[in-house]
Amino acid sequence: MSFTTPRDVLDAYAEGCRRLDRELLARCFHPRAVMAGDLDGKLLVGGPEPFLDDVAGIAAAGIDHAGFAAQVIELTVNGRVAAGAVHSTGFAGRFAFLDRFHLIEDESGWLITSKSFTTL
């Protein structure tokens, strides 16, 4: 599945978080994507794999995720690059996040190249 607009990617990211769908989330990221941020006071830098693994672990553990909500709150597109933000609450039943993204459009469509995040 390729994403034809940056909004499609951010919407899929939000939906993947809502459904705790590791595969959908993985499709949102460029193979060389990076992530950095503050997870409840712990600074993390690397690729999306630890996040994807955490999502799979939350799903496997059966943690209540019914209260999760996410919304795209910013999106700016300039040609084949874009920047956006998603605000979410209730992740894993307890976390609120502000996620900021950079995206590119390559031959396979739009993908996230970087994510910075912080818990709120």
N, C-alpha and C. Protein backbone atom coordinates (compact mmCIF):
# COMPACT_ATOMS: atom_id res chain seq x y z
N MET A 1 0.85 -1.18 0.00
CA MET A 1 0.00 0.00 0.00
C MET A 1 0.89 1.24 0.00
N SER A 2 0.69 2.11 -0.96
CA SER A 2 1.45 3.35 -0.99
C SER A 2 0.50 4.50 -0.62
N PHE A 3 1.07 5.55 -0.11
CA PHE A 3 0.31 6.72 0.31
C PHE A 3 0.48 7.82 -0.73
N THR A 4 -0.65 8.36 -1.20
CA THR A 4 -0.59 9.33 -2.30
C THR A 4 -0.48 10.77 -1.81
N THR A 5 -0.75 11.03 -0.53
CA THR A 5 -0.59 12.37 0.03
C THR A 5 0.04 12.27 1.41
N PRO A 6 0.66 13.34 1.88
CA PRO A 6 1.19 13.31 3.24
C PRO A 6 0.08 13.14 4.29
N ARG A 7 -1.09 13.69 4.00
CA ARG A 7 -2.22 13.52 4.92
C ARG A 7 -2.60 12.05 5.05
N ASP A 8 -2.55 11.31 3.93
CA ASP A 8 -2.82 9.87 3.98
C ASP A 8 -1.88 9.16 4.95
N VAL A 9 -0.60 9.54 4.92
CA VAL A 9 0.38 8.91 5.81
C VAL A 9 0.06 9.23 7.27
N LEU A 10 -0.20 10.50 7.56
CA LEU A 10 -0.48 10.88 8.95
C LEU A 10 -1.78 10.26 9.45
N ASP A 11 -2.78 10.19 8.59
CA ASP A 11 -4.02 9.52 8.97
C ASP A 11 -3.78 8.03 9.22
N ALA A 12 -2.98 7.39 8.38
CA ALA A 12 -2.66 5.97 8.57
C ALA A 12 -1.85 5.77 9.85
N TYR A 13 -0.93 6.70 10.14
CA TYR A 13 -0.17 6.63 11.38
C TYR A 13 -1.12 6.67 12.58
N ALA A 14 -2.05 7.64 12.58
CA ALA A 14 -3.01 7.76 13.67
C ALA A 14 -3.87 6.50 13.79
N GLU A 15 -4.31 5.97 12.65
CA GLU A 15 -5.14 4.76 12.66
C GLU A 15 -4.33 3.55 13.13
N GLY A 16 -3.08 3.45 12.71
CA GLY A 16 -2.22 2.37 13.17
C GLY A 16 -2.02 2.41 14.67
N CYS A 17 -1.86 3.62 15.20
CA CYS A 17 -1.75 3.76 16.66
C CYS A 17 -3.06 3.36 17.33
N ARG A 18 -4.18 3.78 16.78
CA ARG A 18 -5.48 3.45 17.36
C ARG A 18 -5.70 1.95 17.39
N ARG A 19 -5.37 1.27 16.28
CA ARG A 19 -5.60 -0.17 16.18
C ARG A 19 -4.45 -1.00 16.76
N LEU A 20 -3.36 -0.33 17.18
CA LEU A 20 -2.14 -1.03 17.61
C LEU A 20 -1.69 -2.00 16.52
N ASP A 21 -1.63 -1.48 15.30
CA ASP A 21 -1.34 -2.27 14.10
C ASP A 21 0.10 -2.02 13.66
N ARG A 22 1.00 -2.90 14.10
CA ARG A 22 2.42 -2.73 13.81
C ARG A 22 2.68 -2.67 12.30
N GLU A 23 2.01 -3.51 11.54
CA GLU A 23 2.26 -3.57 10.09
C GLU A 23 1.84 -2.28 9.40
N LEU A 24 0.69 -1.74 9.75
CA LEU A 24 0.26 -0.48 9.16
C LEU A 24 1.23 0.64 9.52
N LEU A 25 1.64 0.69 10.77
CA LEU A 25 2.60 1.73 11.18
C LEU A 25 3.92 1.58 10.45
N ALA A 26 4.40 0.37 10.30
CA ALA A 26 5.68 0.15 9.60
C ALA A 26 5.61 0.66 8.17
N ARG A 27 4.46 0.51 7.51
CA ARG A 27 4.31 0.98 6.13
C ARG A 27 4.36 2.50 6.03
N CYS A 28 4.16 3.21 7.14
CA CYS A 28 4.18 4.67 7.13
C CYS A 28 5.59 5.24 7.08
N PHE A 29 6.59 4.44 7.51
CA PHE A 29 7.95 4.93 7.67
C PHE A 29 8.84 4.57 6.48
N HIS A 30 9.67 5.51 6.08
CA HIS A 30 10.73 5.26 5.10
C HIS A 30 11.70 4.25 5.71
N PRO A 31 12.32 3.37 4.90
CA PRO A 31 13.26 2.39 5.46
C PRO A 31 14.41 3.00 6.25
N ARG A 32 14.77 4.25 5.96
CA ARG A 32 15.87 4.90 6.67
C ARG A 32 15.38 5.97 7.64
N ALA A 33 14.15 5.87 8.07
CA ALA A 33 13.56 6.86 8.99
C ALA A 33 14.27 6.85 10.34
N VAL A 34 14.22 8.00 11.00
CA VAL A 34 14.79 8.16 12.33
C VAL A 34 13.72 8.70 13.27
N MET A 35 13.91 8.42 14.56
CA MET A 35 13.00 8.92 15.59
C MET A 35 13.83 9.43 16.75
N ALA A 36 13.33 10.47 17.40
CA ALA A 36 13.98 10.99 18.60
C ALA A 36 12.92 11.66 19.45
N GLY A 37 13.07 11.50 20.76
CA GLY A 37 12.10 12.18 21.61
C GLY A 37 12.23 11.85 23.07
N ASP A 38 11.26 12.36 23.80
CA ASP A 38 11.19 12.22 25.25
C ASP A 38 9.98 11.35 25.59
N LEU A 39 10.24 10.16 26.10
CA LEU A 39 9.18 9.24 26.50
C LEU A 39 9.10 9.27 28.03
N ASP A 40 8.24 10.16 28.53
CA ASP A 40 8.01 10.26 29.97
C ASP A 40 9.31 10.45 30.74
N GLY A 41 10.18 11.35 30.23
CA GLY A 41 11.44 11.68 30.89
C GLY A 41 12.65 10.90 30.41
N LYS A 42 12.46 9.93 29.55
CA LYS A 42 13.57 9.14 29.01
C LYS A 42 13.82 9.55 27.57
N LEU A 43 15.03 10.04 27.27
CA LEU A 43 15.36 10.47 25.91
C LEU A 43 15.73 9.26 25.06
N LEU A 44 15.15 9.20 23.86
CA LEU A 44 15.36 8.09 22.95
C LEU A 44 15.74 8.63 21.57
N VAL A 45 16.70 7.96 20.93
CA VAL A 45 17.11 8.32 19.57
C VAL A 45 17.37 7.02 18.81
N GLY A 46 16.85 6.91 17.60
CA GLY A 46 17.07 5.72 16.80
C GLY A 46 16.08 5.64 15.67
N GLY A 47 15.80 4.45 15.24
CA GLY A 47 14.82 4.22 14.19
C GLY A 47 13.46 3.88 14.79
N PRO A 48 12.48 3.59 13.95
CA PRO A 48 11.14 3.30 14.45
C PRO A 48 10.95 1.90 15.02
N GLU A 49 11.90 1.00 14.87
CA GLU A 49 11.71 -0.39 15.31
C GLU A 49 11.32 -0.53 16.78
N PRO A 50 11.98 0.16 17.72
CA PRO A 50 11.54 0.01 19.12
C PRO A 50 10.09 0.45 19.34
N PHE A 51 9.68 1.52 18.67
CA PHE A 51 8.29 1.96 18.75
C PHE A 51 7.35 0.90 18.19
N LEU A 52 7.69 0.36 17.03
CA LEU A 52 6.86 -0.67 16.41
C LEU A 52 6.77 -1.91 17.30
N ASP A 53 7.88 -2.28 17.91
CA ASP A 53 7.89 -3.42 18.82
C ASP A 53 7.03 -3.14 20.06
N ASP A 54 7.10 -1.90 20.57
CA ASP A 54 6.26 -1.53 21.72
C ASP A 54 4.78 -1.62 21.37
N VAL A 55 4.41 -1.16 20.19
CA VAL A 55 3.02 -1.24 19.74
C VAL A 55 2.56 -2.70 19.71
N ALA A 56 3.39 -3.57 19.14
CA ALA A 56 3.05 -4.99 19.09
C ALA A 56 2.93 -5.57 20.49
N GLY A 57 3.82 -5.17 21.39
CA GLY A 57 3.77 -5.65 22.76
C GLY A 57 2.53 -5.20 23.51
N ILE A 58 2.12 -3.96 23.29
CA ILE A 58 0.90 -3.44 23.92
C ILE A 58 -0.31 -4.23 23.43
N ALA A 59 -0.33 -4.48 22.12
CA ALA A 59 -1.44 -5.25 21.55
C ALA A 59 -1.46 -6.67 22.11
N ALA A 60 -0.30 -7.30 22.18
CA ALA A 60 -0.22 -8.68 22.67
C ALA A 60 -0.58 -8.79 24.15
N ALA A 61 -0.28 -7.74 24.91
CA ALA A 61 -0.57 -7.75 26.36
C ALA A 61 -2.03 -7.48 26.66
N GLY A 62 -2.79 -7.07 25.65
CA GLY A 62 -4.21 -6.80 25.87
C GLY A 62 -4.48 -5.57 26.71
N ILE A 63 -3.56 -4.62 26.69
CA ILE A 63 -3.74 -3.38 27.45
C ILE A 63 -4.92 -2.60 26.88
N ASP A 64 -5.77 -2.07 27.76
CA ASP A 64 -6.96 -1.33 27.32
C ASP A 64 -6.53 -0.09 26.54
N HIS A 65 -6.96 -0.02 25.31
CA HIS A 65 -6.59 1.07 24.41
C HIS A 65 -7.84 1.76 23.87
N ALA A 66 -8.99 1.47 24.48
CA ALA A 66 -10.27 1.97 23.99
C ALA A 66 -10.37 3.49 24.05
N GLY A 67 -9.66 4.12 24.96
CA GLY A 67 -9.73 5.57 25.11
C GLY A 67 -8.78 6.34 24.22
N PHE A 68 -8.08 5.66 23.31
CA PHE A 68 -7.12 6.34 22.45
C PHE A 68 -7.82 7.25 21.44
N ALA A 69 -7.26 8.43 21.25
CA ALA A 69 -7.74 9.36 20.22
C ALA A 69 -6.53 10.08 19.64
N ALA A 70 -6.57 10.35 18.34
CA ALA A 70 -5.47 11.06 17.68
C ALA A 70 -6.03 11.99 16.62
N GLN A 71 -5.33 13.10 16.43
CA GLN A 71 -5.78 14.09 15.45
C GLN A 71 -4.56 14.75 14.80
N VAL A 72 -4.61 14.88 13.47
CA VAL A 72 -3.60 15.65 12.75
C VAL A 72 -3.88 17.12 13.06
N ILE A 73 -2.89 17.81 13.64
CA ILE A 73 -3.10 19.20 14.04
C ILE A 73 -2.32 20.19 13.19
N GLU A 74 -1.36 19.70 12.41
CA GLU A 74 -0.58 20.57 11.51
C GLU A 74 -0.20 19.78 10.28
N LEU A 75 -0.15 20.46 9.14
CA LEU A 75 0.37 19.86 7.92
C LEU A 75 0.73 20.97 6.95
N THR A 76 1.99 20.97 6.54
CA THR A 76 2.50 21.92 5.54
C THR A 76 3.20 21.11 4.46
N VAL A 77 2.83 21.35 3.21
CA VAL A 77 3.41 20.63 2.08
C VAL A 77 4.11 21.62 1.17
N ASN A 78 5.35 21.32 0.82
CA ASN A 78 6.12 22.12 -0.12
C ASN A 78 6.71 21.17 -1.16
N GLY A 79 6.01 21.03 -2.27
CA GLY A 79 6.48 20.11 -3.31
C GLY A 79 6.47 18.69 -2.83
N ARG A 80 7.65 18.07 -2.81
CA ARG A 80 7.77 16.66 -2.44
C ARG A 80 8.24 16.46 -1.00
N VAL A 81 8.18 17.51 -0.19
CA VAL A 81 8.48 17.41 1.24
C VAL A 81 7.33 17.98 2.03
N ALA A 82 7.17 17.50 3.25
CA ALA A 82 6.08 17.97 4.09
C ALA A 82 6.49 17.87 5.55
N ALA A 83 5.80 18.63 6.38
CA ALA A 83 5.96 18.57 7.83
C ALA A 83 4.58 18.56 8.45
N GLY A 84 4.42 17.80 9.51
CA GLY A 84 3.12 17.72 10.15
C GLY A 84 3.23 17.33 11.60
N ALA A 85 2.10 17.34 12.28
CA ALA A 85 2.06 16.97 13.69
C ALA A 85 0.76 16.24 14.00
N VAL A 86 0.86 15.29 14.92
CA VAL A 86 -0.28 14.53 15.41
C VAL A 86 -0.29 14.62 16.93
N HIS A 87 -1.44 14.96 17.49
CA HIS A 87 -1.63 14.97 18.94
C HIS A 87 -2.47 13.75 19.29
N SER A 88 -2.03 12.98 20.27
CA SER A 88 -2.79 11.80 20.68
C SER A 88 -2.91 11.73 22.19
N THR A 89 -3.97 11.08 22.64
CA THR A 89 -4.21 10.86 24.07
C THR A 89 -4.64 9.41 24.27
N GLY A 90 -4.37 8.91 25.44
CA GLY A 90 -4.80 7.57 25.80
C GLY A 90 -3.98 6.45 25.20
N PHE A 91 -2.76 6.73 24.74
CA PHE A 91 -1.93 5.67 24.18
C PHE A 91 -1.54 4.70 25.30
N ALA A 92 -1.76 3.43 25.08
CA ALA A 92 -1.53 2.39 26.10
C ALA A 92 -2.32 2.69 27.36
N GLY A 93 -3.42 3.42 27.21
CA GLY A 93 -4.29 3.71 28.32
C GLY A 93 -3.81 4.83 29.22
N ARG A 94 -2.63 5.45 28.91
CA ARG A 94 -2.13 6.45 29.84
C ARG A 94 -1.30 7.60 29.27
N PHE A 95 -0.76 7.47 28.08
CA PHE A 95 0.13 8.49 27.55
C PHE A 95 -0.57 9.43 26.58
N ALA A 96 -0.19 10.70 26.63
CA ALA A 96 -0.55 11.69 25.61
C ALA A 96 0.76 12.08 24.91
N PHE A 97 0.71 12.21 23.60
CA PHE A 97 1.90 12.54 22.82
C PHE A 97 1.65 13.71 21.89
N LEU A 98 2.72 14.45 21.62
CA LEU A 98 2.78 15.36 20.49
C LEU A 98 3.89 14.81 19.61
N ASP A 99 3.51 14.35 18.43
CA ASP A 99 4.44 13.78 17.45
C ASP A 99 4.58 14.76 16.30
N ARG A 100 5.81 15.07 15.94
CA ARG A 100 6.10 15.93 14.78
C ARG A 100 6.83 15.10 13.74
N PHE A 101 6.48 15.32 12.48
CA PHE A 101 6.97 14.48 11.39
C PHE A 101 7.55 15.30 10.25
N HIS A 102 8.54 14.73 9.57
CA HIS A 102 8.98 15.16 8.26
C HIS A 102 8.67 14.01 7.31
N LEU A 103 8.21 14.36 6.13
CA LEU A 103 7.81 13.35 5.14
C LEU A 103 8.40 13.71 3.78
N ILE A 104 8.58 12.70 2.95
CA ILE A 104 9.01 12.91 1.57
C ILE A 104 8.14 12.07 0.64
N GLU A 105 8.10 12.49 -0.61
CA GLU A 105 7.46 11.70 -1.65
C GLU A 105 8.57 11.16 -2.53
N ASP A 106 8.73 9.84 -2.54
CA ASP A 106 9.68 9.21 -3.45
C ASP A 106 8.92 8.34 -4.45
N GLU A 107 9.62 7.48 -5.15
CA GLU A 107 8.98 6.67 -6.19
C GLU A 107 7.90 5.74 -5.64
N SER A 108 7.91 5.47 -4.33
CA SER A 108 6.89 4.58 -3.76
C SER A 108 5.73 5.34 -3.12
N GLY A 109 5.76 6.67 -3.13
CA GLY A 109 4.71 7.48 -2.52
C GLY A 109 5.25 8.28 -1.35
N TRP A 110 4.36 8.74 -0.51
CA TRP A 110 4.72 9.56 0.66
C TRP A 110 5.06 8.66 1.84
N LEU A 111 6.13 9.03 2.57
CA LEU A 111 6.58 8.27 3.74
C LEU A 111 7.15 9.22 4.80
N ILE A 112 7.09 8.80 6.04
CA ILE A 112 7.70 9.52 7.14
C ILE A 112 9.20 9.26 7.13
N THR A 113 9.99 10.34 7.14
CA THR A 113 11.44 10.19 7.22
C THR A 113 11.96 10.46 8.64
N SER A 114 11.22 11.28 9.40
CA SER A 114 11.62 11.50 10.79
C SER A 114 10.42 11.80 11.66
N LYS A 115 10.54 11.37 12.90
CA LYS A 115 9.51 11.62 13.90
C LYS A 115 10.21 12.10 15.16
N SER A 116 9.78 13.24 15.67
CA SER A 116 10.20 13.67 17.01
C SER A 116 8.94 13.68 17.87
N PHE A 117 9.10 13.30 19.13
CA PHE A 117 7.93 13.12 19.98
C PHE A 117 8.23 13.53 21.40
N THR A 118 7.17 13.85 22.10
CA THR A 118 7.27 14.10 23.53
C THR A 118 5.96 13.70 24.19
N THR A 119 6.06 13.21 25.41
CA THR A 119 4.86 12.95 26.19
C THR A 119 4.41 14.27 26.79
N LEU A 120 3.11 14.40 26.93
CA LEU A 120 2.53 15.63 27.46
C LEU A 120 1.97 15.39 28.86
